Structure formats: structure tokens, C-alpha cells
């Protein structure tokens, strides 16, 4: 790394990104799951649960075998986090509540311009929360009308739109159900304000995204919290991020001059060193949720196939990338059958000689994941290349603890 010109090799950029995401170096065990959430700034939620739900897989990938209770208390005890629209539906550190004022104001304007929910439903929901305390959609009058997945009741529509505008907030769940509350009750007093201008909100969110990624293009920065490209362009020079060039990354033009990427100065201060995590990643992990960035940094094409018709799937329903040695070496589509974790399809990157080198890492990741979810056996159904099915099965058998 040549600090004078802030020039990075592709390999340096990759390791900076891994460290920023908490996947290179000693894990912050004292910070635990709350520390992971603060570091990432956003943890994406999704209903799919194979080994576990995505919000549980995120801290597992960084800390190892964290228990569900530790995850639930970090996200949904009503004190440390809230749910809102960031990269998608996400859990966010409660400290970020003021930073999303710009988005809440945007929804308020949208509804004022003709998309406002029924005023009576809106008032009734707020009055009921005020009178009865935090409630689920079911307790507010029913979540659904009895039809398909998105056939929401009037109460559910009203409370979700109130969530968008900031009239209600979610800081806890019961099971998998959102619990809605009034923000003046749930958000700490020192954070409960919308005094930040849109520009200040955007500036801080771009800076947070830069710290969470270490080094990123402007498109990467925009994607992290789903900000408009022109909004990022307008504030980028005031974020504290510095322009850098990364070998092999495409150049970009901006009003601030020609550059390839932006980096967090703290990420440039010391070379990224330490132990690489070997783990399976959620398809919604913030290391890989931006597909173009994943291809640029790791040379790895990542697609979620859960919503692809079964005959058209290449890798499987919930293929999880394998991270080892700081690289993405393949993916596996897992399933659970009783106390057995089944690798329905383990697909390795590259031709046979290169792919074979990743077999021990895949075996280690599968056995560790099995232990975490309470499975005592791992079974491999098939591999790509197929010649690695037997070697992976043998490696898994060696890596598994002996059964008494």
C-alpha cells in the first residue's frame, strides 16, 4: 500500500473489506452480537430459515457458535436496536434512529401527496398503541384478511405505513412477530428527534457504510443503505472518506474528480492482518449482499435461487457461500433432517485440482455449522465437480467428533 497516493492492490482491498466486516482478525467477543450490529450498521432480515434465519447467521459467521438467546437480546429486547428500511428490511443499531429521519420524511411526503392510508385506521392504530402499550399486528386487529401472503388487513397496512413514516417503531419481537410501539416511548430521549437535515443524515450514513465496507465504490456506498446515487455524490466529499485507486477496479467519474473508490481512513492506517474465518455465509450477509461488489472483490458470482423454479436452480434453494482463507471457495445448499445436516449440493469454484483444495475448508464449515444447530451428523449428497463427493464425505467423517 502506498499511502502517499492511496493506491491499493486488489488483494489489499479484499483484505480491508474482510476486516471491516469483522471476518479477518480476532473476533470482538466482548462486544458480542451488539458489537457486530454496531460494526455492520445493518443486519438484513428474511423469513427463510434453513440452518437458521439470516439475522442469526450474521453473528455466527463472525463470532462462532452464539446462542439464539444472545441474538434475540441484542436485536429485540427493546433497548439496542430497531427495525427499518435500510439495505432492505433490517435490524439497525438504535443509535442510527436519527440518521433515517430523511427516509421517514420522504414517506411522510409520499403519503401527503396522495398515498396516505385511511386516516381513521391510522388514528385508531396510534390511539390503541397509546392506550394499550406495545402490540403485534394481530393484537391491533389482525394481520391478514385470510388470503395470500400479502393480503394484509387494514390494521396491518396502517401500522406498516406508520412504521415507514416514523409514527410507530419496532424495537422488539414476540417469536417472529413484530411488536409495534410509539417511538416517543421506545426510542431513547437523546435519540428521539428528527433535527438532522437530509444532507446530514445522508452524510453520516455514507460515512457509516464506508467504515462497514472499508473500501468501496460510490455505487457500493449507495447500495449499502439503498441511497440514491446522486445523494451519495452530493455528500461524499464531506464524509471523511478518502479517494483511493484499486488495481483492477473500474474507474469512475464524479464532480470531485476521477477516482476508483473511497476508503475509511482508519482502514488505511494499519495493514489488515490476523486469522481468517472459515464459515458458511448467509446469502443476505452484508459481505456478499451486493452482487456486483462480490464479483469485483472475490471473482465470485452469487445469486439467491430460493425464488427460482426448482428445475432452473443451479446451486440450490439457499446456497450459502463458503468463506475460507479470505476467499469465497464455493457454496453449499444445506438442509436438516432430524439430527443430520445434509449438504444437498456442495459446489466448488474452479476446475478439479483447484476445487479439491477447498474440500477441507468445506468439511470444517459443515461440521461446525452442524454442531451449532444441534446436528451430530453431516451427510453429503452431491458435489460439483462430482469427483469431490467421496473426498468431501471422507473429510467430513474425519472432522466430525466421534459419537460415544
Protein backbone atom coordinates (compact mmCIF):
# COMPACT_ATOMS: atom_id res chain seq x y z
CA UNK A 1 0.00 0.00 0.00
CA UNK A 2 1.44 3.40 -0.96
CA UNK A 3 -0.12 5.84 1.46
CA UNK A 4 1.02 8.90 -0.45
CA UNK A 5 -1.18 8.09 -3.42
CA UNK A 6 -3.73 5.95 -1.57
CA UNK A 7 -3.22 3.18 -4.09
CA UNK A 8 -4.32 -0.35 -3.21
CA UNK A 9 -3.83 -3.68 -4.88
CA UNK A 10 -6.94 -5.79 -5.40
CA UNK A 11 -5.65 -8.14 -2.70
CA UNK A 12 -5.23 -5.31 -0.18
CA UNK A 13 -8.74 -4.06 -0.94
CA UNK A 14 -10.13 -7.57 -0.41
CA UNK A 15 -8.45 -7.92 3.00
CA UNK A 16 -9.52 -4.41 4.06
CA UNK A 17 -13.11 -5.32 3.18
CA UNK A 18 -12.92 -8.56 5.18
CA UNK A 19 -11.51 -6.81 8.25
CA UNK A 20 -14.11 -4.06 8.06
CA UNK A 21 -16.84 -6.71 8.02
CA UNK A 22 -15.37 -8.49 11.05
CA UNK A 23 -14.20 -11.56 9.12
CA UNK A 24 -10.44 -11.05 9.40
CA UNK A 25 -8.64 -10.71 12.71
CA UNK A 26 -9.61 -11.63 16.24
CA UNK A 27 -13.39 -11.62 16.75
CA UNK A 28 -14.74 -8.99 19.13
CA UNK A 29 -16.12 -11.41 21.69
CA UNK A 30 -16.51 -8.75 24.37
CA UNK A 31 -18.71 -6.72 22.04
CA UNK A 32 -20.67 -9.85 21.17
CA UNK A 33 -23.72 -9.64 18.91
CA UNK A 34 -24.39 -5.96 19.75
CA UNK A 35 -20.82 -5.21 18.67
CA UNK A 36 -21.38 -7.00 15.35
CA UNK A 37 -24.56 -4.99 14.77
CA UNK A 38 -22.83 -1.68 15.54
CA UNK A 39 -19.91 -2.57 13.29
CA UNK A 40 -22.06 -3.53 10.32
CA UNK A 41 -24.66 -0.83 10.85
CA UNK A 42 -27.41 -3.01 9.36
CA UNK A 43 -28.35 -6.70 9.51
CA UNK A 44 -30.81 -7.83 6.86
CA UNK A 45 -33.92 -9.75 7.87
CA UNK A 46 -35.52 -12.53 5.86
CA UNK A 47 -38.20 -15.11 6.57
CA UNK A 48 -36.24 -18.07 5.12
CA UNK A 49 -34.85 -20.41 7.76
CA UNK A 50 -32.71 -23.39 6.78
CA UNK A 51 -29.89 -23.72 9.28
CA UNK A 52 -31.18 -20.58 11.00
CA UNK A 53 -32.61 -17.25 9.96
CA UNK A 54 -30.26 -14.82 8.25
CA UNK A 55 -30.04 -12.43 11.20
CA UNK A 56 -28.68 -15.34 13.29
CA UNK A 57 -26.22 -16.43 10.60
CA UNK A 58 -24.59 -12.98 10.53
CA UNK A 59 -23.15 -13.03 14.08
CA UNK A 60 -22.45 -16.77 13.79
CA UNK A 61 -20.20 -16.13 10.79
CA UNK A 62 -18.17 -13.63 12.81
CA UNK A 63 -18.26 -14.94 16.36
CA UNK A 64 -18.85 -18.66 16.04
CA UNK A 65 -21.47 -20.58 17.98
CA UNK A 66 -23.51 -17.74 19.50
CA UNK A 67 -26.80 -18.83 21.03
CA UNK A 68 -30.21 -17.72 19.85
CA UNK A 69 -30.84 -16.01 23.19
CA UNK A 70 -27.78 -13.78 22.69
CA UNK A 71 -29.02 -12.84 19.22
CA UNK A 72 -32.57 -12.14 20.37
CA UNK A 73 -31.42 -9.99 23.29
CA UNK A 74 -29.13 -7.98 21.01
CA UNK A 75 -31.88 -7.24 18.50
CA UNK A 76 -35.22 -7.34 20.26
CA UNK A 77 -35.11 -6.51 23.93
CA UNK A 78 -36.34 -3.02 23.05
CA UNK A 79 -33.14 -1.23 24.06
CA UNK A 80 -30.39 -1.71 21.48
CA UNK A 81 -31.94 -1.86 18.03
CA UNK A 82 -34.90 -1.03 15.84
CA UNK A 83 -36.23 -2.29 12.52
CA UNK A 84 -36.44 -0.13 9.45
CA UNK A 85 -35.79 0.07 5.72
CA UNK A 86 -32.05 0.21 5.03
CA UNK A 87 -30.48 -2.17 2.50
CA UNK A 88 -33.82 -3.95 2.82
CA UNK A 89 -35.83 -4.70 5.95
CA UNK A 90 -33.04 -4.59 8.52
CA UNK A 91 -32.21 -4.56 12.20
CA UNK A 92 -30.32 -1.32 12.91
CA UNK A 93 -28.46 -0.04 15.98
CA UNK A 94 -30.74 2.26 17.95
CA UNK A 95 -28.10 4.99 17.60
CA UNK A 96 -28.97 5.17 13.90
CA UNK A 97 -32.59 6.24 14.53
CA UNK A 98 -31.82 9.94 13.87
CA UNK A 99 -29.96 9.07 10.63
CA UNK A 100 -33.10 7.73 8.95
CA UNK A 101 -35.10 10.91 9.52
CA UNK A 102 -34.63 11.73 5.83
CA UNK A 103 -36.32 8.48 4.83
CA UNK A 104 -39.17 8.92 7.30
CA UNK A 105 -39.76 12.42 5.94
CA UNK A 106 -39.73 11.01 2.41
CA UNK A 107 -42.51 8.56 3.28
CA UNK A 108 -44.47 11.32 5.00
CA UNK A 109 -44.28 13.43 1.85
CA UNK A 110 -45.27 10.50 -0.35
CA UNK A 111 -48.38 9.85 1.70
CA UNK A 112 -49.24 13.56 1.80
CA UNK A 113 -49.09 13.51 -2.00
CA UNK A 114 -51.96 11.05 -2.24
CA UNK A 115 -50.84 7.69 -0.86
CA UNK A 116 -51.88 8.29 2.73
CA UNK A 117 -53.57 5.30 4.39
CA UNK A 118 -57.08 5.69 5.67
CA UNK A 119 -56.97 8.44 8.28
CA UNK A 120 -59.35 6.60 10.57
CA UNK A 121 -57.24 3.39 10.50
CA UNK A 122 -54.08 5.41 11.10
CA UNK A 123 -55.54 7.26 14.08
CA UNK A 124 -57.11 4.11 15.51
CA UNK A 125 -53.79 2.23 15.43
CA UNK A 126 -51.94 5.08 17.16
CA UNK A 127 -54.71 5.52 19.74
CA UNK A 128 -54.71 1.80 20.51
CA UNK A 129 -50.93 1.73 20.96
CA UNK A 130 -51.12 4.79 23.16
CA UNK A 131 -53.81 3.23 25.34
CA UNK A 132 -52.68 -0.40 25.48
CA UNK A 133 -48.91 -0.27 25.04
CA UNK A 134 -46.77 -2.24 22.52
CA UNK A 135 -48.86 -4.61 20.34
CA UNK A 136 -48.47 -7.03 17.46
CA UNK A 137 -50.46 -6.66 14.25
CA UNK A 138 -52.72 -9.49 15.44
CA UNK A 139 -53.47 -7.59 18.64
CA UNK A 140 -54.14 -4.43 16.64
CA UNK A 141 -57.00 -6.11 14.81
CA UNK A 142 -55.49 -8.91 12.75
CA UNK A 143 -52.51 -9.08 10.42
CA UNK A 144 -54.20 -10.70 7.40
CA UNK A 145 -57.54 -10.95 5.67
CA UNK A 146 -57.19 -14.70 5.15
CA UNK A 147 -55.83 -14.62 1.60
CA UNK A 148 -52.32 -14.96 0.24
CA UNK A 149 -49.06 -13.80 1.86
CA UNK A 150 -49.53 -10.06 1.17
CA UNK A 151 -53.29 -9.98 1.80
CA UNK A 152 -52.86 -7.63 4.75
CA UNK A 153 -55.70 -6.35 6.90
CA UNK A 154 -56.46 -2.63 7.08
CA UNK A 155 -54.81 -2.56 10.52
CA UNK A 156 -51.62 -4.18 9.21
CA UNK A 157 -51.46 -1.78 6.24
CA UNK A 158 -51.96 1.19 8.54
CA UNK A 159 -49.36 0.18 11.10
CA UNK A 160 -46.75 -0.70 8.46
CA UNK A 161 -47.20 2.67 6.80
CA UNK A 162 -46.98 4.30 10.22
CA UNK A 163 -43.71 2.40 10.67
CA UNK A 164 -42.43 3.86 7.40
CA UNK A 165 -43.25 7.42 8.45
CA UNK A 166 -41.85 7.03 11.96
CA UNK A 167 -45.20 7.30 13.73
CA UNK A 168 -44.53 3.84 15.18
CA UNK A 169 -41.33 1.87 15.71
CA UNK A 170 -40.38 -1.79 16.13
CA UNK A 171 -37.73 -2.47 18.78
CA UNK A 172 -38.85 -5.95 19.80
CA UNK A 173 -40.49 -9.12 18.51
CA UNK A 174 -42.51 -11.90 20.05
CA UNK A 175 -41.46 -15.03 18.25
CA UNK A 176 -41.28 -13.82 14.68
CA UNK A 177 -44.00 -11.19 15.11
CA UNK A 178 -43.16 -7.51 15.08
CA UNK A 179 -44.20 -5.61 18.19
CA UNK A 180 -45.20 -2.03 17.34
CA UNK A 181 -44.80 0.85 19.75
CA UNK A 182 -44.78 4.64 19.79
CA UNK A 183 -41.27 5.99 19.16
CA UNK A 184 -41.56 8.56 21.95
CA UNK A 185 -41.85 5.59 24.33
CA UNK A 186 -39.37 3.20 22.72
CA UNK A 187 -36.55 5.39 21.39
CA UNK A 188 -34.16 6.85 24.00
CA UNK A 189 -34.90 10.51 24.65
CA UNK A 190 -31.47 11.67 23.50
CA UNK A 191 -32.03 9.99 20.11
CA UNK A 192 -35.72 10.72 19.63
CA UNK A 193 -35.59 13.69 17.34
CA UNK A 194 -35.58 14.42 13.62
CA UNK A 195 -33.41 17.51 13.82
CA UNK A 196 -30.82 16.30 11.32
CA UNK A 197 -31.21 17.69 7.82
CA UNK A 198 -31.49 15.28 4.91
CA UNK A 199 -27.93 16.19 3.92
CA UNK A 200 -26.58 15.41 7.39
CA UNK A 201 -28.45 12.10 7.52
CA UNK A 202 -27.00 11.09 4.16
CA UNK A 203 -23.50 12.23 5.07
CA UNK A 204 -23.47 10.13 8.22
CA UNK A 205 -24.98 7.07 6.54
CA UNK A 206 -22.43 7.18 3.72
CA UNK A 207 -19.63 7.50 6.29
CA UNK A 208 -21.06 4.56 8.24
CA UNK A 209 -21.28 2.45 5.09
CA UNK A 210 -17.69 3.35 4.23
CA UNK A 211 -16.50 2.22 7.65
CA UNK A 212 -18.52 -1.00 7.40
CA UNK A 213 -17.01 -1.84 4.00
CA UNK A 214 -13.52 -0.44 4.46
CA UNK A 215 -13.11 0.40 0.79
CA UNK A 216 -15.93 0.87 -1.70
CA UNK A 217 -17.03 2.49 -4.93
CA UNK A 218 -19.73 5.16 -4.84
CA UNK A 219 -22.16 2.55 -6.16
CA UNK A 220 -21.21 0.27 -3.25
CA UNK A 221 -21.77 3.09 -0.79
CA UNK A 222 -25.18 3.85 -2.27
CA UNK A 223 -26.25 0.22 -2.20
CA UNK A 224 -25.41 -0.36 1.48
CA UNK A 225 -28.37 1.66 2.77
CA UNK A 226 -30.11 1.91 -0.63
CA UNK A 227 -29.38 5.60 -1.13
CA UNK A 228 -29.73 7.45 -4.42
CA UNK A 229 -26.52 7.74 -6.42
CA UNK A 230 -26.87 11.50 -6.77
CA UNK A 231 -27.38 11.84 -2.99
CA UNK A 232 -24.12 9.98 -2.32
CA UNK A 233 -22.37 12.11 -4.94
CA UNK A 234 -23.55 15.29 -3.23
CA UNK A 235 -22.16 14.43 0.24
CA UNK A 236 -19.19 12.13 -0.44
CA UNK A 237 -16.50 14.80 -0.02
CA UNK A 238 -17.81 15.72 3.45
CA UNK A 239 -17.91 12.19 4.87
CA UNK A 240 -14.26 11.90 5.86
CA UNK A 241 -13.76 9.05 3.38
CA UNK A 242 -10.71 9.46 1.15
CA UNK A 243 -10.42 8.71 -2.59
CA UNK A 244 -8.24 5.72 -3.46
CA UNK A 245 -7.33 3.74 -6.53
CA UNK A 246 -7.70 -0.02 -6.50
CA UNK A 247 -5.89 -2.03 -9.14
CA UNK A 248 -8.36 -3.76 -11.40
CA UNK A 249 -11.40 -1.83 -10.20
CA UNK A 250 -13.13 0.22 -12.91
CA UNK A 251 -12.56 3.96 -12.77
CA UNK A 252 -15.48 6.30 -12.16
CA UNK A 253 -16.13 9.93 -12.88
CA UNK A 254 -17.56 12.33 -10.32
CA UNK A 255 -17.74 16.04 -9.72
CA UNK A 256 -14.96 15.61 -7.17
CA UNK A 257 -12.60 14.25 -9.81
CA UNK A 258 -11.56 10.93 -11.26
CA UNK A 259 -11.25 8.15 -8.70
CA UNK A 260 -11.72 4.44 -8.37
CA UNK A 261 -13.04 4.09 -4.84
CA UNK A 262 -13.35 5.62 -1.40
CA UNK A 263 -11.81 4.26 1.79
CA UNK A 264 -12.24 4.74 5.51
CA UNK A 265 -9.01 6.41 6.74
CA UNK A 266 -8.97 4.09 9.76
CA UNK A 267 -8.92 1.11 7.38
CA UNK A 268 -5.82 2.50 5.69
CA UNK A 269 -3.97 3.21 8.94
CA UNK A 270 -2.78 -0.35 9.59
CA UNK A 271 -2.38 -3.34 7.27
CA UNK A 272 -5.17 -5.92 7.73
CA UNK A 273 -3.72 -8.98 9.44
CA UNK A 274 -4.96 -11.85 11.57
CA UNK A 275 -6.91 -15.06 11.39
CA UNK A 276 -9.30 -15.61 8.52
CA UNK A 277 -12.68 -17.03 9.46
CA UNK A 278 -13.74 -20.30 7.84
CA UNK A 279 -17.53 -20.27 7.72
CA UNK A 280 -20.70 -20.50 5.70
CA UNK A 281 -22.31 -17.15 4.92
CA UNK A 282 -25.96 -16.26 4.68
CA UNK A 283 -26.87 -15.23 1.12
CA UNK A 284 -28.03 -11.98 2.79
CA UNK A 285 -24.73 -11.36 4.59
CA UNK A 286 -23.53 -7.78 4.08
CA UNK A 287 -20.20 -9.12 2.79
CA UNK A 288 -21.98 -10.55 -0.25
CA UNK A 289 -25.42 -8.88 -0.47
CA UNK A 290 -24.17 -6.51 -3.20
CA UNK A 291 -23.69 -8.86 -6.15
CA UNK A 292 -21.52 -6.59 -8.38
CA UNK A 293 -19.23 -5.83 -5.41
CA UNK A 294 -18.92 -9.53 -4.60
CA UNK A 295 -17.88 -10.28 -8.17
CA UNK A 296 -15.41 -7.39 -8.21
CA UNK A 297 -13.72 -8.27 -4.91
CA UNK A 298 -13.89 -12.06 -4.90
CA UNK A 299 -14.45 -13.03 -8.54
CA UNK A 300 -17.48 -14.93 -7.24
CA UNK A 301 -20.93 -14.88 -8.83
CA UNK A 302 -23.54 -15.10 -6.11
CA UNK A 303 -27.29 -15.44 -6.70
CA UNK A 304 -30.09 -16.46 -4.36
CA UNK A 305 -32.16 -19.18 -6.03
CA UNK A 306 -34.89 -19.58 -3.41
CA UNK A 307 -37.38 -17.89 -5.72
CA UNK A 308 -36.13 -19.59 -8.89
CA UNK A 309 -38.25 -22.56 -10.06
CA UNK A 310 -36.63 -25.79 -8.85
CA UNK A 311 -35.74 -27.13 -12.32
CA UNK A 312 -33.85 -23.93 -13.13
CA UNK A 313 -31.74 -23.83 -9.97
CA UNK A 314 -28.02 -24.35 -10.44
CA UNK A 315 -26.78 -24.48 -6.85
CA UNK A 316 -29.90 -24.95 -4.72
CA UNK A 317 -32.64 -23.28 -2.71
CA UNK A 318 -30.46 -21.50 -0.11
CA UNK A 319 -26.89 -21.89 -1.32
CA UNK A 320 -24.52 -20.45 1.30
CA UNK A 321 -21.10 -19.18 0.15
CA UNK A 322 -18.05 -20.81 1.74
CA UNK A 323 -15.54 -18.28 3.09
CA UNK A 324 -12.07 -19.62 3.88
CA UNK A 325 -8.65 -18.04 3.77
CA UNK A 326 -10.26 -14.73 2.90
CA UNK A 327 -11.73 -16.07 -0.34
CA UNK A 328 -15.06 -17.46 -1.49
CA UNK A 329 -14.24 -21.03 -2.49
CA UNK A 330 -17.66 -22.45 -3.24
CA UNK A 331 -21.15 -22.79 -1.82
CA UNK A 332 -23.39 -25.38 -0.28
CA UNK A 333 -27.16 -25.82 -0.22
CA UNK A 334 -27.88 -27.19 3.29
CA UNK A 335 -30.90 -28.86 4.80
CA UNK A 336 -31.74 -30.51 8.12
CA UNK A 337 -33.16 -33.99 8.53
CA UNK A 338 -33.60 -34.67 12.22
CA UNK A 339 -30.14 -34.55 13.78
CA UNK A 340 -28.36 -34.69 10.40
CA UNK A 341 -27.18 -31.70 8.42
CA UNK A 342 -27.45 -32.59 4.74
CA UNK A 343 -25.23 -30.95 2.12
CA UNK A 344 -27.63 -31.34 -0.77
CA UNK A 345 -25.21 -29.74 -3.20
CA UNK A 346 -21.67 -28.61 -2.41
CA UNK A 347 -20.31 -26.71 -5.40
CA UNK A 348 -16.66 -25.71 -5.53
CA UNK A 349 -15.11 -22.92 -7.58
CA UNK A 350 -12.74 -23.75 -10.39
CA UNK A 351 -11.61 -26.93 -12.10
CA UNK A 352 -10.91 -30.15 -10.22
CA UNK A 353 -7.34 -29.57 -8.98
CA UNK A 354 -8.17 -26.10 -7.62
CA UNK A 355 -11.58 -27.13 -6.29
CA UNK A 356 -10.11 -30.08 -4.39
CA UNK A 357 -8.02 -27.72 -2.25
CA UNK A 358 -11.23 -26.32 -0.72
CA UNK A 359 -12.53 -29.71 0.46
CA UNK A 360 -11.02 -29.48 3.99
CA UNK A 361 -12.45 -25.99 4.48
CA UNK A 362 -15.91 -27.10 3.33
CA UNK A 363 -15.79 -30.07 5.69
CA UNK A 364 -14.75 -27.83 8.61
CA UNK A 365 -17.52 -25.33 7.88
CA UNK A 366 -20.18 -28.03 7.55
CA UNK A 367 -19.21 -29.78 10.79
CA UNK A 368 -19.05 -26.51 12.73
CA UNK A 369 -22.45 -25.41 11.39
CA UNK A 370 -23.95 -28.80 12.22
CA UNK A 371 -22.74 -28.56 15.81
CA UNK A 372 -24.11 -25.01 16.11
CA UNK A 373 -27.64 -26.04 15.10
CA UNK A 374 -27.63 -29.20 17.21
CA UNK A 375 -26.93 -31.78 14.49
CA UNK A 376 -24.48 -34.60 15.26
CA UNK A 377 -24.10 -35.94 11.71
CA UNK A 378 -23.32 -34.47 8.29
CA UNK A 379 -24.27 -36.21 5.05
CA UNK A 380 -23.03 -35.14 1.62
CA UNK A 381 -25.47 -35.86 -1.21
CA UNK A 382 -23.62 -34.47 -4.22
CA UNK A 383 -20.79 -32.19 -5.27
CA UNK A 384 -19.69 -30.14 -8.24
CA UNK A 385 -17.28 -31.38 -9.54
CA UNK A 386 -18.84 -34.81 -8.83
CA UNK A 387 -15.40 -36.35 -8.26
CA UNK A 388 -15.25 -34.49 -4.92
CA UNK A 389 -18.33 -36.13 -3.37
CA UNK A 390 -16.34 -39.02 -1.89
CA UNK A 391 -13.40 -36.85 -0.72
CA UNK A 392 -15.76 -34.38 0.97
CA UNK A 393 -17.67 -37.19 2.68
CA UNK A 394 -14.37 -38.62 3.93
CA UNK A 395 -13.17 -35.21 5.16
CA UNK A 396 -16.46 -34.66 6.98
CA UNK A 397 -16.15 -38.05 8.67
CA UNK A 398 -12.66 -37.14 9.90
CA UNK A 399 -13.75 -33.68 11.09
CA UNK A 400 -16.84 -34.91 12.98
CA UNK A 401 -16.38 -35.62 16.68
CA UNK A 402 -16.60 -39.28 17.49
CA UNK A 403 -20.06 -40.38 18.62
CA UNK A 404 -19.99 -42.11 22.02
